[in-house]
Amino acid sequence: MRDAGYIFDVMVSHIDEKAIRHEDLYELPLRLSRAKAEALLPRIKEPAALITADQVIVWNKELREKPRDLKEARHYLETFSGSIYPAECVNGITVTNTESGKSITEREISKVYFSALPPEVIETFLREGTMYKYAGGFTPQSPLIRPYLRIDGTFESILGLPLDVVERCIKKLSD
C-alpha cells in the first residue's frame, strides 16, 4: 500500500479468529474482516478509512488456515502438489469510514495451481519455518515455491490484500 502512495498505521485487532466460524467457507473471511473492523473502530479517534482483511485458503472444499504444526504444513504442501484442485485464496476486505461508521465488505478470490513440488523443495521450504505465517502454509513470494505456481487472479490477492478491491471500496464509500 505504501507503493501506491497510502499513508497508514498498522493495528492489531486481537480478535480470537478461531471463535468465528461459518459453514460457508467463502463467507468466513468476510466475517473475520468485519469482526476486526468492529474491534478496531473504537480505538481510532481521527477520521480515517479503516481497512481490515482476512484470508483463508479453500482446497477441495476444505478449509486450510495457518498450519498448526509441521505435520499439517507438510500435508498441505503435499496435497497441493500436482493437484487438479487449486488453492483458492478467499479474501474478505472491509473498509470503514470511521467518521460516518459506514462500511463495505467485499470478497475477492484468486486461485493458485501447483505443479508437482519435488520432495526436496517441500522439505527445504518447511525447514525455513515461514509456513506458519500463511493461510494454507505457503507464500507465492518464496523463491522455492514460486516456480511451481500458476496464479489465476492478482498477486496482491494471493498475498491477502488486493489493492484494487481496497480502492474500489474506498471509492464507493466516498460517493
N, C-alpha and C. Protein backbone atom coordinates (compact mmCIF):
# COMPACT_ATOMS: atom_id res chain seq x y z
N MET A 1 0.82 -1.18 0.00
CA MET A 1 0.00 0.00 0.00
C MET A 1 0.87 1.25 0.00
N ARG A 2 2.04 1.15 0.63
CA ARG A 2 2.94 2.31 0.60
C ARG A 2 3.34 2.63 -0.84
N ASP A 3 3.58 1.58 -1.63
CA ASP A 3 3.97 1.78 -3.03
C ASP A 3 2.88 2.51 -3.81
N ALA A 4 1.64 2.39 -3.37
CA ALA A 4 0.52 3.06 -4.04
C ALA A 4 0.29 4.47 -3.50
N GLY A 5 1.14 4.88 -2.54
CA GLY A 5 1.05 6.24 -2.02
C GLY A 5 0.20 6.42 -0.77
N TYR A 6 -0.25 5.33 -0.18
CA TYR A 6 -1.06 5.43 1.03
C TYR A 6 -0.18 5.64 2.25
N ILE A 7 -0.66 6.47 3.16
CA ILE A 7 -0.02 6.65 4.46
C ILE A 7 -0.93 5.95 5.46
N PHE A 8 -0.36 5.06 6.27
CA PHE A 8 -1.22 4.28 7.15
C PHE A 8 -0.47 3.81 8.39
N ASP A 9 -1.23 3.43 9.38
CA ASP A 9 -0.72 2.79 10.58
C ASP A 9 -1.25 1.36 10.58
N VAL A 10 -0.47 0.45 11.11
CA VAL A 10 -0.89 -0.94 11.24
C VAL A 10 -1.34 -1.15 12.68
N MET A 11 -2.52 -1.72 12.84
CA MET A 11 -3.05 -2.02 14.16
C MET A 11 -3.44 -3.49 14.18
N VAL A 12 -3.36 -4.09 15.35
CA VAL A 12 -3.73 -5.50 15.51
C VAL A 12 -5.05 -5.55 16.28
N SER A 13 -6.00 -6.30 15.77
CA SER A 13 -7.34 -6.34 16.37
C SER A 13 -7.41 -7.20 17.62
N HIS A 14 -6.56 -8.20 17.72
CA HIS A 14 -6.54 -9.14 18.85
C HIS A 14 -7.84 -9.93 19.00
N ILE A 15 -8.56 -10.15 17.90
CA ILE A 15 -9.76 -10.97 17.99
C ILE A 15 -9.36 -12.44 18.02
N ASP A 16 -10.21 -13.28 18.54
CA ASP A 16 -9.99 -14.72 18.52
C ASP A 16 -10.59 -15.26 17.22
N GLU A 17 -9.75 -15.37 16.21
CA GLU A 17 -10.24 -15.79 14.89
C GLU A 17 -10.84 -17.19 14.91
N LYS A 18 -10.34 -18.05 15.76
CA LYS A 18 -10.85 -19.43 15.81
C LYS A 18 -12.26 -19.48 16.40
N ALA A 19 -12.66 -18.42 17.13
CA ALA A 19 -14.01 -18.38 17.71
C ALA A 19 -15.06 -17.99 16.67
N ILE A 20 -14.60 -17.47 15.54
CA ILE A 20 -15.52 -17.06 14.47
C ILE A 20 -15.48 -18.13 13.38
N ARG A 21 -16.58 -18.81 13.19
CA ARG A 21 -16.67 -19.88 12.22
C ARG A 21 -17.91 -19.66 11.36
N HIS A 22 -17.95 -20.30 10.23
CA HIS A 22 -19.14 -20.26 9.37
C HIS A 22 -19.09 -21.49 8.48
N GLU A 23 -20.24 -22.10 8.26
CA GLU A 23 -20.27 -23.32 7.44
C GLU A 23 -19.91 -23.05 5.99
N ASP A 24 -20.18 -21.84 5.51
CA ASP A 24 -19.79 -21.45 4.16
C ASP A 24 -18.37 -20.88 4.22
N LEU A 25 -17.41 -21.65 3.76
CA LEU A 25 -16.00 -21.24 3.86
C LEU A 25 -15.71 -19.94 3.11
N TYR A 26 -16.52 -19.63 2.12
CA TYR A 26 -16.32 -18.42 1.33
C TYR A 26 -16.88 -17.19 2.05
N GLU A 27 -17.65 -17.40 3.09
CA GLU A 27 -18.20 -16.32 3.92
C GLU A 27 -17.27 -16.02 5.10
N LEU A 28 -16.51 -17.00 5.53
CA LEU A 28 -15.67 -16.87 6.73
C LEU A 28 -14.74 -15.66 6.70
N PRO A 29 -13.95 -15.41 5.65
CA PRO A 29 -13.05 -14.26 5.70
C PRO A 29 -13.79 -12.92 5.74
N LEU A 30 -15.01 -12.86 5.21
CA LEU A 30 -15.80 -11.64 5.30
C LEU A 30 -16.19 -11.38 6.75
N ARG A 31 -16.63 -12.42 7.43
CA ARG A 31 -16.98 -12.28 8.85
C ARG A 31 -15.76 -11.89 9.68
N LEU A 32 -14.63 -12.48 9.37
CA LEU A 32 -13.41 -12.15 10.11
C LEU A 32 -12.98 -10.71 9.87
N SER A 33 -13.05 -10.24 8.64
CA SER A 33 -12.64 -8.86 8.36
C SER A 33 -13.60 -7.87 9.03
N ARG A 34 -14.89 -8.20 9.09
CA ARG A 34 -15.86 -7.34 9.79
C ARG A 34 -15.59 -7.33 11.29
N ALA A 35 -15.29 -8.49 11.86
CA ALA A 35 -15.00 -8.57 13.29
C ALA A 35 -13.76 -7.76 13.65
N LYS A 36 -12.76 -7.80 12.79
CA LYS A 36 -11.56 -6.99 13.02
C LYS A 36 -11.90 -5.51 13.00
N ALA A 37 -12.74 -5.10 12.05
CA ALA A 37 -13.15 -3.69 11.97
C ALA A 37 -13.90 -3.28 13.23
N GLU A 38 -14.82 -4.11 13.68
CA GLU A 38 -15.59 -3.80 14.89
C GLU A 38 -14.68 -3.68 16.11
N ALA A 39 -13.65 -4.51 16.19
CA ALA A 39 -12.73 -4.46 17.32
C ALA A 39 -11.84 -3.22 17.28
N LEU A 40 -11.46 -2.79 16.08
CA LEU A 40 -10.54 -1.65 15.95
C LEU A 40 -11.23 -0.29 15.96
N LEU A 41 -12.44 -0.22 15.49
CA LEU A 41 -13.14 1.06 15.33
C LEU A 41 -13.12 1.93 16.59
N PRO A 42 -13.40 1.40 17.78
CA PRO A 42 -13.39 2.25 18.97
C PRO A 42 -12.01 2.84 19.31
N ARG A 43 -10.96 2.26 18.79
CA ARG A 43 -9.60 2.74 19.09
C ARG A 43 -9.14 3.86 18.18
N ILE A 44 -9.90 4.15 17.14
CA ILE A 44 -9.49 5.18 16.17
C ILE A 44 -10.22 6.47 16.47
N LYS A 45 -9.45 7.51 16.77
CA LYS A 45 -10.03 8.79 17.20
C LYS A 45 -10.12 9.83 16.09
N GLU A 46 -9.31 9.70 15.06
CA GLU A 46 -9.28 10.65 13.95
C GLU A 46 -10.07 10.09 12.77
N PRO A 47 -10.64 10.97 11.93
CA PRO A 47 -11.31 10.48 10.71
C PRO A 47 -10.31 9.71 9.83
N ALA A 48 -10.73 8.54 9.40
CA ALA A 48 -9.83 7.69 8.60
C ALA A 48 -10.64 6.65 7.84
N ALA A 49 -9.97 6.01 6.92
CA ALA A 49 -10.51 4.82 6.27
C ALA A 49 -9.85 3.63 6.96
N LEU A 50 -10.64 2.88 7.69
CA LEU A 50 -10.15 1.69 8.38
C LEU A 50 -10.26 0.51 7.41
N ILE A 51 -9.13 -0.13 7.14
CA ILE A 51 -9.09 -1.25 6.21
C ILE A 51 -8.73 -2.50 6.99
N THR A 52 -9.61 -3.47 6.96
CA THR A 52 -9.33 -4.75 7.62
C THR A 52 -9.53 -5.86 6.59
N ALA A 53 -8.79 -6.93 6.77
CA ALA A 53 -8.85 -8.02 5.80
C ALA A 53 -8.54 -9.34 6.48
N ASP A 54 -8.99 -10.40 5.84
CA ASP A 54 -8.63 -11.73 6.28
C ASP A 54 -8.63 -12.64 5.05
N GLN A 55 -7.86 -13.69 5.15
CA GLN A 55 -7.76 -14.64 4.04
C GLN A 55 -7.81 -16.06 4.58
N VAL A 56 -8.55 -16.89 3.88
CA VAL A 56 -8.49 -18.33 4.12
C VAL A 56 -8.20 -19.00 2.78
N ILE A 57 -7.69 -20.19 2.87
CA ILE A 57 -7.46 -21.00 1.67
C ILE A 57 -8.50 -22.11 1.68
N VAL A 58 -9.15 -22.28 0.54
CA VAL A 58 -10.09 -23.39 0.38
C VAL A 58 -9.50 -24.30 -0.69
N TRP A 59 -9.34 -25.56 -0.32
CA TRP A 59 -8.81 -26.56 -1.25
C TRP A 59 -9.74 -27.76 -1.23
N ASN A 60 -10.31 -28.07 -2.37
CA ASN A 60 -11.19 -29.24 -2.49
C ASN A 60 -12.26 -29.25 -1.39
N LYS A 61 -12.89 -28.08 -1.18
CA LYS A 61 -13.97 -27.88 -0.19
C LYS A 61 -13.48 -27.98 1.25
N GLU A 62 -12.18 -27.86 1.47
CA GLU A 62 -11.59 -27.99 2.79
C GLU A 62 -10.93 -26.67 3.19
N LEU A 63 -11.15 -26.23 4.43
CA LEU A 63 -10.54 -25.01 4.95
C LEU A 63 -9.09 -25.28 5.30
N ARG A 64 -8.22 -24.38 4.83
CA ARG A 64 -6.80 -24.51 5.16
C ARG A 64 -6.32 -23.16 5.69
N GLU A 65 -6.24 -23.09 7.01
CA GLU A 65 -5.76 -21.87 7.65
C GLU A 65 -4.26 -21.99 7.84
N LYS A 66 -3.69 -21.17 8.71
CA LYS A 66 -2.27 -21.29 9.01
C LYS A 66 -2.05 -22.67 9.64
N PRO A 67 -1.04 -23.39 9.18
CA PRO A 67 -0.84 -24.74 9.73
C PRO A 67 -0.50 -24.69 11.23
N ARG A 68 -1.03 -25.67 11.95
CA ARG A 68 -0.80 -25.76 13.40
C ARG A 68 0.58 -26.29 13.72
N ASP A 69 1.08 -27.15 12.85
CA ASP A 69 2.36 -27.78 13.13
C ASP A 69 3.01 -28.23 11.82
N LEU A 70 4.21 -28.78 11.95
CA LEU A 70 4.98 -29.21 10.79
C LEU A 70 4.25 -30.30 10.00
N LYS A 71 3.63 -31.22 10.70
CA LYS A 71 2.91 -32.31 10.03
C LYS A 71 1.79 -31.75 9.15
N GLU A 72 1.03 -30.79 9.68
CA GLU A 72 -0.06 -30.22 8.89
C GLU A 72 0.48 -29.41 7.72
N ALA A 73 1.56 -28.66 7.93
CA ALA A 73 2.16 -27.87 6.84
C ALA A 73 2.63 -28.79 5.71
N ARG A 74 3.27 -29.89 6.07
CA ARG A 74 3.73 -30.86 5.06
C ARG A 74 2.53 -31.45 4.31
N HIS A 75 1.49 -31.80 5.04
CA HIS A 75 0.28 -32.35 4.42
C HIS A 75 -0.31 -31.36 3.42
N TYR A 76 -0.40 -30.10 3.80
CA TYR A 76 -0.92 -29.08 2.88
C TYR A 76 -0.13 -29.06 1.58
N LEU A 77 1.19 -28.94 1.71
CA LEU A 77 2.03 -28.82 0.51
C LEU A 77 1.98 -30.09 -0.34
N GLU A 78 2.01 -31.24 0.31
CA GLU A 78 1.97 -32.49 -0.44
C GLU A 78 0.65 -32.67 -1.18
N THR A 79 -0.45 -32.22 -0.60
CA THR A 79 -1.73 -32.38 -1.29
C THR A 79 -1.96 -31.28 -2.33
N PHE A 80 -1.38 -30.10 -2.15
CA PHE A 80 -1.45 -29.07 -3.19
C PHE A 80 -0.65 -29.52 -4.42
N SER A 81 0.46 -30.20 -4.17
CA SER A 81 1.43 -30.56 -5.21
C SER A 81 0.79 -31.39 -6.32
N GLY A 82 0.76 -30.82 -7.52
CA GLY A 82 0.25 -31.53 -8.69
C GLY A 82 -1.25 -31.78 -8.69
N SER A 83 -1.97 -31.18 -7.76
CA SER A 83 -3.41 -31.42 -7.64
C SER A 83 -4.19 -30.75 -8.77
N ILE A 84 -5.30 -31.37 -9.14
CA ILE A 84 -6.20 -30.72 -10.10
C ILE A 84 -7.00 -29.61 -9.42
N TYR A 85 -7.04 -29.64 -8.08
CA TYR A 85 -7.78 -28.62 -7.33
C TYR A 85 -6.86 -27.45 -7.02
N PRO A 86 -7.32 -26.24 -7.27
CA PRO A 86 -6.50 -25.09 -6.91
C PRO A 86 -6.62 -24.78 -5.42
N ALA A 87 -5.62 -24.09 -4.92
CA ALA A 87 -5.73 -23.46 -3.60
C ALA A 87 -6.45 -22.14 -3.86
N GLU A 88 -7.68 -22.04 -3.40
CA GLU A 88 -8.46 -20.82 -3.61
C GLU A 88 -8.17 -19.86 -2.46
N CYS A 89 -7.61 -18.72 -2.79
CA CYS A 89 -7.29 -17.70 -1.80
C CYS A 89 -8.51 -16.80 -1.69
N VAL A 90 -9.25 -16.97 -0.61
CA VAL A 90 -10.51 -16.25 -0.41
C VAL A 90 -10.26 -15.11 0.57
N ASN A 91 -10.38 -13.89 0.07
CA ASN A 91 -10.12 -12.70 0.87
C ASN A 91 -11.41 -12.00 1.22
N GLY A 92 -11.50 -11.55 2.46
CA GLY A 92 -12.57 -10.66 2.89
C GLY A 92 -11.94 -9.33 3.22
N ILE A 93 -12.43 -8.26 2.61
CA ILE A 93 -11.89 -6.92 2.81
C ILE A 93 -13.02 -6.03 3.28
N THR A 94 -12.82 -5.36 4.41
CA THR A 94 -13.80 -4.41 4.92
C THR A 94 -13.14 -3.05 5.00
N VAL A 95 -13.79 -2.05 4.43
CA VAL A 95 -13.32 -0.66 4.53
C VAL A 95 -14.41 0.11 5.26
N THR A 96 -14.02 0.80 6.32
CA THR A 96 -14.95 1.54 7.15
C THR A 96 -14.55 3.01 7.20
N ASN A 97 -15.50 3.89 6.97
CA ASN A 97 -15.30 5.32 7.16
C ASN A 97 -15.51 5.56 8.65
N THR A 98 -14.44 5.88 9.38
CA THR A 98 -14.54 5.99 10.83
C THR A 98 -15.39 7.18 11.27
N GLU A 99 -15.53 8.15 10.41
CA GLU A 99 -16.33 9.33 10.75
C GLU A 99 -17.83 9.02 10.65
N SER A 100 -18.23 8.39 9.57
CA SER A 100 -19.66 8.09 9.36
C SER A 100 -20.07 6.74 9.93
N GLY A 101 -19.10 5.85 10.11
CA GLY A 101 -19.40 4.49 10.56
C GLY A 101 -19.85 3.56 9.44
N LYS A 102 -20.00 4.10 8.22
CA LYS A 102 -20.40 3.27 7.08
C LYS A 102 -19.25 2.34 6.69
N SER A 103 -19.61 1.14 6.28
CA SER A 103 -18.57 0.20 5.84
C SER A 103 -19.05 -0.61 4.65
N ILE A 104 -18.08 -1.13 3.94
CA ILE A 104 -18.32 -2.01 2.79
C ILE A 104 -17.41 -3.21 2.96
N THR A 105 -17.97 -4.39 2.72
CA THR A 105 -17.18 -5.61 2.77
C THR A 105 -17.31 -6.31 1.42
N GLU A 106 -16.17 -6.70 0.88
CA GLU A 106 -16.16 -7.41 -0.40
C GLU A 106 -15.30 -8.66 -0.30
N ARG A 107 -15.57 -9.57 -1.22
CA ARG A 107 -14.81 -10.82 -1.31
C ARG A 107 -14.03 -10.81 -2.61
N GLU A 108 -12.83 -11.33 -2.55
CA GLU A 108 -12.00 -11.50 -3.75
C GLU A 108 -11.41 -12.90 -3.69
N ILE A 109 -11.53 -13.62 -4.79
CA ILE A 109 -10.99 -14.99 -4.84
C ILE A 109 -10.00 -15.09 -5.98
N SER A 110 -8.82 -15.56 -5.66
CA SER A 110 -7.83 -15.89 -6.68
C SER A 110 -7.44 -17.35 -6.47
N LYS A 111 -6.97 -17.97 -7.52
CA LYS A 111 -6.64 -19.39 -7.44
C LYS A 111 -5.16 -19.62 -7.73
N VAL A 112 -4.61 -20.58 -7.00
CA VAL A 112 -3.22 -20.96 -7.20
C VAL A 112 -3.20 -22.45 -7.55
N TYR A 113 -2.64 -22.75 -8.71
CA TYR A 113 -2.47 -24.13 -9.15
C TYR A 113 -1.01 -24.51 -8.95
N PHE A 114 -0.79 -25.64 -8.32
CA PHE A 114 0.56 -26.13 -8.06
C PHE A 114 0.91 -27.22 -9.06
N SER A 115 2.07 -27.08 -9.70
CA SER A 115 2.59 -28.24 -10.42
C SER A 115 3.25 -29.13 -9.37
N ALA A 116 3.76 -30.26 -9.77
CA ALA A 116 4.34 -31.19 -8.80
C ALA A 116 5.55 -30.57 -8.11
N LEU A 117 5.48 -30.51 -6.78
CA LEU A 117 6.58 -29.98 -5.98
C LEU A 117 7.53 -31.13 -5.66
N PRO A 118 8.80 -31.02 -6.04
CA PRO A 118 9.74 -32.07 -5.66
C PRO A 118 9.84 -32.17 -4.14
N PRO A 119 9.98 -33.37 -3.60
CA PRO A 119 10.06 -33.54 -2.14
C PRO A 119 11.14 -32.67 -1.50
N GLU A 120 12.27 -32.48 -2.21
CA GLU A 120 13.34 -31.66 -1.62
C GLU A 120 12.94 -30.18 -1.53
N VAL A 121 12.10 -29.72 -2.43
CA VAL A 121 11.60 -28.34 -2.36
C VAL A 121 10.68 -28.19 -1.15
N ILE A 122 9.80 -29.16 -0.97
CA ILE A 122 8.90 -29.13 0.19
C ILE A 122 9.71 -29.12 1.48
N GLU A 123 10.68 -30.02 1.59
CA GLU A 123 11.46 -30.12 2.83
C GLU A 123 12.29 -28.86 3.08
N THR A 124 12.88 -28.29 2.04
CA THR A 124 13.66 -27.06 2.21
C THR A 124 12.76 -25.91 2.64
N PHE A 125 11.60 -25.79 2.02
CA PHE A 125 10.64 -24.75 2.39
C PHE A 125 10.21 -24.92 3.85
N LEU A 126 9.92 -26.14 4.25
CA LEU A 126 9.50 -26.39 5.63
C LEU A 126 10.60 -26.07 6.63
N ARG A 127 11.85 -26.35 6.27
CA ARG A 127 12.98 -26.02 7.17
C ARG A 127 13.10 -24.52 7.40
N GLU A 128 12.69 -23.72 6.40
CA GLU A 128 12.74 -22.26 6.56
C GLU A 128 11.80 -21.79 7.67
N GLY A 129 10.74 -22.54 7.92
CA GLY A 129 9.83 -22.24 9.03
C GLY A 129 8.85 -21.10 8.80
N THR A 130 8.76 -20.58 7.59
CA THR A 130 7.88 -19.44 7.34
C THR A 130 6.42 -19.85 7.12
N MET A 131 6.17 -21.13 6.95
CA MET A 131 4.83 -21.59 6.58
C MET A 131 3.78 -21.30 7.64
N TYR A 132 4.19 -21.09 8.88
CA TYR A 132 3.22 -20.85 9.96
C TYR A 132 2.57 -19.48 9.87
N LYS A 133 3.13 -18.60 9.06
CA LYS A 133 2.60 -17.24 8.94
C LYS A 133 1.52 -17.11 7.88
N TYR A 134 1.29 -18.16 7.09
CA TYR A 134 0.43 -18.04 5.92
C TYR A 134 -0.73 -19.03 5.91
N ALA A 135 -1.91 -18.53 5.58
CA ALA A 135 -3.04 -19.43 5.35
C ALA A 135 -2.63 -20.42 4.26
N GLY A 136 -2.89 -21.68 4.48
CA GLY A 136 -2.51 -22.71 3.52
C GLY A 136 -1.06 -23.14 3.64
N GLY A 137 -0.27 -22.43 4.46
CA GLY A 137 1.11 -22.81 4.70
C GLY A 137 2.08 -22.51 3.58
N PHE A 138 1.72 -21.59 2.67
CA PHE A 138 2.63 -21.25 1.58
C PHE A 138 2.53 -19.77 1.27
N THR A 139 3.56 -19.26 0.61
CA THR A 139 3.54 -17.90 0.09
C THR A 139 4.09 -17.91 -1.33
N PRO A 140 3.44 -17.19 -2.24
CA PRO A 140 3.97 -17.12 -3.60
C PRO A 140 5.25 -16.29 -3.69
N GLN A 141 5.61 -15.63 -2.59
CA GLN A 141 6.83 -14.84 -2.57
C GLN A 141 8.08 -15.70 -2.39
N SER A 142 7.90 -16.94 -1.99
CA SER A 142 9.04 -17.83 -1.78
C SER A 142 9.69 -18.19 -3.11
N PRO A 143 10.99 -17.93 -3.25
CA PRO A 143 11.67 -18.31 -4.49
C PRO A 143 11.70 -19.83 -4.69
N LEU A 144 11.52 -20.59 -3.63
CA LEU A 144 11.46 -22.05 -3.75
C LEU A 144 10.14 -22.51 -4.37
N ILE A 145 9.05 -21.91 -3.94
CA ILE A 145 7.71 -22.34 -4.33
C ILE A 145 7.24 -21.69 -5.63
N ARG A 146 7.60 -20.45 -5.82
CA ARG A 146 7.06 -19.65 -6.93
C ARG A 146 7.16 -20.33 -8.31
N PRO A 147 8.28 -20.97 -8.64
CA PRO A 147 8.36 -21.58 -9.99
C PRO A 147 7.33 -22.69 -10.23
N TYR A 148 6.72 -23.19 -9.16
CA TYR A 148 5.77 -24.30 -9.29
C TYR A 148 4.31 -23.83 -9.25
N LEU A 149 4.11 -22.52 -9.30
CA LEU A 149 2.76 -21.97 -9.18
C LEU A 149 2.27 -21.37 -10.48
N ARG A 150 0.97 -21.52 -10.71
CA ARG A 150 0.28 -20.77 -11.76
C ARG A 150 -0.86 -20.05 -11.06
N ILE A 151 -0.87 -18.74 -11.21
CA ILE A 151 -1.84 -17.91 -10.49
C ILE A 151 -2.94 -17.45 -11.43
N ASP A 152 -4.18 -17.65 -11.01
CA ASP A 152 -5.35 -17.17 -11.72
C ASP A 152 -5.97 -16.09 -10.83
N GLY A 153 -5.60 -14.85 -11.08
CA GLY A 153 -6.02 -13.72 -10.25
C GLY A 153 -4.84 -12.79 -10.07
N THR A 154 -4.94 -11.92 -9.09
CA THR A 154 -3.85 -10.96 -8.87
C THR A 154 -2.89 -11.47 -7.81
N PHE A 155 -1.64 -11.08 -7.95
CA PHE A 155 -0.62 -11.45 -6.98
C PHE A 155 -0.97 -10.87 -5.61
N GLU A 156 -1.48 -9.62 -5.59
CA GLU A 156 -1.87 -8.99 -4.32
C GLU A 156 -2.97 -9.78 -3.62
N SER A 157 -3.87 -10.34 -4.40
CA SER A 157 -4.95 -11.14 -3.82
C SER A 157 -4.40 -12.42 -3.19
N ILE A 158 -3.41 -13.01 -3.83
CA ILE A 158 -2.79 -14.21 -3.26
C ILE A 158 -2.09 -13.86 -1.96
N LEU A 159 -1.51 -12.66 -1.89
CA LEU A 159 -0.83 -12.22 -0.67
C LEU A 159 -1.81 -11.84 0.43
N GLY A 160 -3.08 -11.58 0.09
CA GLY A 160 -4.08 -11.33 1.12
C GLY A 160 -4.67 -9.93 1.17
N LEU A 161 -4.16 -8.99 0.37
CA LEU A 161 -4.74 -7.64 0.37
C LEU A 161 -4.78 -7.09 -1.05
N PRO A 162 -5.84 -7.43 -1.79
CA PRO A 162 -5.95 -6.95 -3.17
C PRO A 162 -6.24 -5.45 -3.19
N LEU A 163 -5.25 -4.68 -3.61
CA LEU A 163 -5.34 -3.22 -3.59
C LEU A 163 -6.48 -2.70 -4.46
N ASP A 164 -6.75 -3.36 -5.59
CA ASP A 164 -7.85 -2.89 -6.44
C ASP A 164 -9.19 -2.97 -5.71
N VAL A 165 -9.37 -3.97 -4.88
CA VAL A 165 -10.61 -4.10 -4.10
C VAL A 165 -10.67 -3.03 -3.03
N VAL A 166 -9.55 -2.79 -2.35
CA VAL A 166 -9.49 -1.74 -1.33
C VAL A 166 -9.85 -0.39 -1.96
N GLU A 167 -9.25 -0.08 -3.09
CA GLU A 167 -9.52 1.21 -3.75
C GLU A 167 -10.97 1.32 -4.21
N ARG A 168 -11.54 0.23 -4.70
CA ARG A 168 -12.94 0.23 -5.12
C ARG A 168 -13.86 0.49 -3.91
N CYS A 169 -13.55 -0.11 -2.78
CA CYS A 169 -14.36 0.09 -1.56
C CYS A 169 -14.24 1.54 -1.07
N ILE A 170 -13.03 2.07 -1.08
CA ILE A 170 -12.84 3.47 -0.66
C ILE A 170 -13.64 4.39 -1.55
N LYS A 171 -13.60 4.14 -2.85
CA LYS A 171 -14.35 4.98 -3.80
C LYS A 171 -15.85 4.90 -3.53
N LYS A 172 -16.36 3.68 -3.31
CA LYS A 172 -17.80 3.52 -3.03
C LYS A 172 -18.21 4.27 -1.76
N LEU A 173 -17.35 4.26 -0.75
CA LEU A 173 -17.67 4.96 0.50
C LEU A 173 -17.64 6.47 0.33
N SER A 174 -16.85 6.94 -0.60
CA SER A 174 -16.74 8.40 -0.79
C SER A 174 -17.78 8.94 -1.77
N ASP A 175 -18.49 8.07 -2.48
CA ASP A 175 -19.54 8.52 -3.42
C ASP A 175 -20.78 8.98 -2.68
